[in-house]
Amino acid sequence: MQSVKIPSEICVKLDKINRNFLQGHIDTKKATHLINWDTVCLLKKWGGLGIKFMKGMNQSLLAKIGWRIVQDDKGIWCKLLKSKYLHSKTIVDQETGSRIVCSSTWKGITFGAKLIN
């Protein structure tokens, strides 16, 4: 989740697994859901349990990597990605995400970079 964009279908399935576990749903026995899942996912201070939706969590973790690139991290991974994909641009430029031939890691980082703006 921290280095590639997880497909939406997988995120939905992961959310379903979390929801079924928390609400006591078993394959052989269906449980009545006493509270809406959107309410469960609210922050604790707003009456929820603070459980995160997988798609949003994935995007925020990828945005963290993008933020480290913007802040000019000194790691070799940052230098490598900047020299390969950015050239003289920044990660928040719209053109950086439009490369057709790029790694799945870079596609994920540009997906997360939408939150940086």
C-alpha atoms as a PDB file:
ATOM      1  CA  MET A   1       0.000   0.000   0.000  1.00  0.00           C
ATOM      2  CA  GLN A   2       2.918   2.325   0.527  1.00  0.00           C
ATOM      3  CA  SER A   3       4.569   1.963  -2.852  1.00  0.00           C
ATOM      4  CA  VAL A   4       1.924   1.059  -5.463  1.00  0.00           C
ATOM      5  CA  LYS A   5      -1.662   2.044  -6.170  1.00  0.00           C
ATOM      6  CA  ILE A   6      -3.977  -0.734  -5.085  1.00  0.00           C
ATOM      7  CA  PRO A   7      -6.794  -1.377  -7.613  1.00  0.00           C
ATOM      8  CA  SER A   8     -10.201  -0.078  -6.535  1.00  0.00           C
ATOM      9  CA  GLU A   9     -11.737  -3.553  -6.603  1.00  0.00           C
ATOM     10  CA  ILE A  10      -9.145  -4.798  -4.100  1.00  0.00           C
ATOM     11  CA  CYS A  11      -9.765  -1.793  -1.838  1.00  0.00           C
ATOM     12  CA  VAL A  12     -13.503  -2.521  -1.884  1.00  0.00           C
ATOM     13  CA  LYS A  13     -12.857  -6.179  -0.964  1.00  0.00           C
ATOM     14  CA  LEU A  14     -10.528  -5.163   1.878  1.00  0.00           C
ATOM     15  CA  ASP A  15     -13.148  -2.738   3.188  1.00  0.00           C
ATOM     16  CA  LYS A  16     -15.724  -5.543   3.022  1.00  0.00           C
ATOM     17  CA  ILE A  17     -13.464  -7.884   5.006  1.00  0.00           C
ATOM     18  CA  ASN A  18     -12.961  -5.203   7.677  1.00  0.00           C
ATOM     19  CA  ARG A  19     -16.680  -4.439   7.790  1.00  0.00           C
ATOM     20  CA  ASN A  20     -17.700  -8.087   8.064  1.00  0.00           C
ATOM     21  CA  PHE A  21     -15.154  -8.790  10.792  1.00  0.00           C
ATOM     22  CA  LEU A  22     -16.125  -5.791  12.890  1.00  0.00           C
ATOM     23  CA  GLN A  23     -19.847  -6.330  12.530  1.00  0.00           C
ATOM     24  CA  GLY A  24     -19.689 -10.064  13.272  1.00  0.00           C
ATOM     25  CA  HIS A  25     -20.642 -11.353   9.825  1.00  0.00           C
ATOM     26  CA  ILE A  26     -19.659 -14.991   9.218  1.00  0.00           C
ATOM     27  CA  ASP A  27     -20.172 -16.919   5.971  1.00  0.00           C
ATOM     28  CA  THR A  28     -22.604 -19.300   7.651  1.00  0.00           C
ATOM     29  CA  LYS A  29     -24.430 -16.674   9.724  1.00  0.00           C
ATOM     30  CA  LYS A  30     -25.466 -13.205   8.654  1.00  0.00           C
ATOM     31  CA  ALA A  31     -25.407 -10.542  11.328  1.00  0.00           C
ATOM     32  CA  THR A  32     -27.560  -7.457  11.474  1.00  0.00           C
ATOM     33  CA  HIS A  33     -25.477  -4.342  11.061  1.00  0.00           C
ATOM     34  CA  LEU A  34     -26.448  -2.048  13.878  1.00  0.00           C
ATOM     35  CA  ILE A  35     -24.590   0.993  12.607  1.00  0.00           C
ATOM     36  CA  ASN A  36     -23.799   2.402   9.177  1.00  0.00           C
ATOM     37  CA  TRP A  37     -20.235   1.702   7.991  1.00  0.00           C
ATOM     38  CA  ASP A  38     -19.720   5.377   7.071  1.00  0.00           C
ATOM     39  CA  THR A  39     -20.434   6.237  10.709  1.00  0.00           C
ATOM     40  CA  VAL A  40     -17.925   3.627  11.909  1.00  0.00           C
ATOM     41  CA  CYS A  41     -15.284   5.215   9.663  1.00  0.00           C
ATOM     42  CA  LEU A  42     -15.761   8.691  11.143  1.00  0.00           C
ATOM     43  CA  LEU A  43     -13.083  10.114  13.414  1.00  0.00           C
ATOM     44  CA  LYS A  44     -13.377   9.183  17.072  1.00  0.00           C
ATOM     45  CA  LYS A  45     -14.114  12.764  18.084  1.00  0.00           C
ATOM     46  CA  TRP A  46     -17.139  12.695  15.738  1.00  0.00           C
ATOM     47  CA  GLY A  47     -18.525   9.443  17.155  1.00  0.00           C
ATOM     48  CA  GLY A  48     -16.879   6.880  14.882  1.00  0.00           C
ATOM     49  CA  LEU A  49     -14.110   4.353  15.429  1.00  0.00           C
ATOM     50  CA  GLY A  50     -11.606   6.034  13.111  1.00  0.00           C
ATOM     51  CA  ILE A  51     -11.323   3.082  10.719  1.00  0.00           C
ATOM     52  CA  LYS A  52      -9.922   4.178   7.389  1.00  0.00           C
ATOM     53  CA  PHE A  53     -11.244   3.430   3.927  1.00  0.00           C
ATOM     54  CA  MET A  54      -8.557   1.491   2.044  1.00  0.00           C
ATOM     55  CA  LYS A  55      -8.561   3.664  -1.085  1.00  0.00           C
ATOM     56  CA  GLY A  56      -8.061   6.852   0.908  1.00  0.00           C
ATOM     57  CA  MET A  57      -5.382   5.239   3.048  1.00  0.00           C
ATOM     58  CA  ASN A  58      -3.539   4.013  -0.029  1.00  0.00           C
ATOM     59  CA  GLN A  59      -3.647   7.448  -1.632  1.00  0.00           C
ATOM     60  CA  SER A  60      -2.443   9.181   1.525  1.00  0.00           C
ATOM     61  CA  LEU A  61       0.505   6.789   1.915  1.00  0.00           C
ATOM     62  CA  LEU A  62       1.480   7.423  -1.701  1.00  0.00           C
ATOM     63  CA  ALA A  63       1.100  11.170  -1.123  1.00  0.00           C
ATOM     64  CA  LYS A  64       3.576  10.855   1.737  1.00  0.00           C
ATOM     65  CA  ILE A  65       6.183   9.545  -0.701  1.00  0.00           C
ATOM     66  CA  GLY A  66       5.350  12.382  -3.084  1.00  0.00           C
ATOM     67  CA  TRP A  67       5.720  14.887  -0.267  1.00  0.00           C
ATOM     68  CA  ARG A  68       9.161  13.516   0.552  1.00  0.00           C
ATOM     69  CA  ILE A  69      10.114  14.059  -3.092  1.00  0.00           C
ATOM     70  CA  VAL A  70       8.810  17.648  -2.947  1.00  0.00           C
ATOM     71  CA  GLN A  71      10.819  18.215   0.246  1.00  0.00           C
ATOM     72  CA  ASP A  72      13.939  16.934  -1.584  1.00  0.00           C
ATOM     73  CA  ASP A  73      14.633  13.839   0.496  1.00  0.00           C
ATOM     74  CA  LYS A  74      18.329  12.930   0.503  1.00  0.00           C
ATOM     75  CA  GLY A  75      17.734   9.222  -0.146  1.00  0.00           C
ATOM     76  CA  ILE A  76      19.019   7.575  -3.290  1.00  0.00           C
ATOM     77  CA  TRP A  77      15.488   6.436  -4.153  1.00  0.00           C
ATOM     78  CA  CYS A  78      14.419  10.076  -4.349  1.00  0.00           C
ATOM     79  CA  LYS A  79      17.323  11.049  -6.573  1.00  0.00           C
ATOM     80  CA  LEU A  80      16.627   8.083  -8.835  1.00  0.00           C
ATOM     81  CA  LEU A  81      12.920   8.867  -9.262  1.00  0.00           C
ATOM     82  CA  LYS A  82      13.552  12.579  -9.784  1.00  0.00           C
ATOM     83  CA  SER A  83      16.223  11.987 -12.427  1.00  0.00           C
ATOM     84  CA  LYS A  84      14.148   9.365 -14.234  1.00  0.00           C
ATOM     85  CA  TYR A  85      10.707  10.988 -14.226  1.00  0.00           C
ATOM     86  CA  LEU A  86      10.826  14.634 -13.202  1.00  0.00           C
ATOM     87  CA  HIS A  87      13.797  16.142 -15.042  1.00  0.00           C
ATOM     88  CA  SER A  88      13.164  19.869 -14.406  1.00  0.00           C
ATOM     89  CA  LYS A  89       9.536  19.585 -13.256  1.00  0.00           C
ATOM     90  CA  THR A  90       7.940  19.090  -9.868  1.00  0.00           C
ATOM     91  CA  ILE A  91       5.757  16.173  -8.867  1.00  0.00           C
ATOM     92  CA  VAL A  92       2.648  18.345  -8.628  1.00  0.00           C
ATOM     93  CA  ASP A  93       2.845  19.252 -12.327  1.00  0.00           C
ATOM     94  CA  GLN A  94       0.014  17.701 -14.301  1.00  0.00           C
ATOM     95  CA  GLU A  95       2.357  16.398 -17.016  1.00  0.00           C
ATOM     96  CA  THR A  96       4.312  14.124 -14.651  1.00  0.00           C
ATOM     97  CA  GLY A  97       1.405  11.704 -14.301  1.00  0.00           C
ATOM     98  CA  SER A  98       0.752  11.448 -18.027  1.00  0.00           C
ATOM     99  CA  ARG A  99       3.781   9.320 -18.926  1.00  0.00           C
ATOM    100  CA  ILE A 100       2.627   6.203 -20.681  1.00  0.00           C
ATOM    101  CA  VAL A 101       5.737   4.142 -20.009  1.00  0.00           C
ATOM    102  CA  CYS A 102       6.520   4.315 -16.307  1.00  0.00           C
ATOM    103  CA  SER A 103       6.721   1.985 -13.349  1.00  0.00           C
ATOM    104  CA  SER A 104       3.724   1.049 -11.234  1.00  0.00           C
ATOM    105  CA  THR A 105       5.481   2.737  -8.311  1.00  0.00           C
ATOM    106  CA  TRP A 106       5.641   6.050 -10.178  1.00  0.00           C
ATOM    107  CA  LYS A 107       2.004   5.762 -11.255  1.00  0.00           C
ATOM    108  CA  GLY A 108       1.098   5.255  -7.604  1.00  0.00           C
ATOM    109  CA  ILE A 109       3.163   8.225  -6.475  1.00  0.00           C
ATOM    110  CA  THR A 110       1.504  10.498  -9.032  1.00  0.00           C
ATOM    111  CA  PHE A 111      -1.901   9.174  -7.853  1.00  0.00           C
ATOM    112  CA  GLY A 112      -0.971  10.202  -4.318  1.00  0.00           C
ATOM    113  CA  ALA A 113       0.462  13.529  -5.480  1.00  0.00           C
ATOM    114  CA  LYS A 114      -3.075  14.693  -6.301  1.00  0.00           C
ATOM    115  CA  LEU A 115      -3.496  15.240  -2.560  1.00  0.00           C
ATOM    116  CA  ILE A 116      -0.387  17.408  -2.319  1.00  0.00           C
ATOM    117  CA  ASN A 117      -1.948  20.251  -4.310  1.00  0.00           C
END
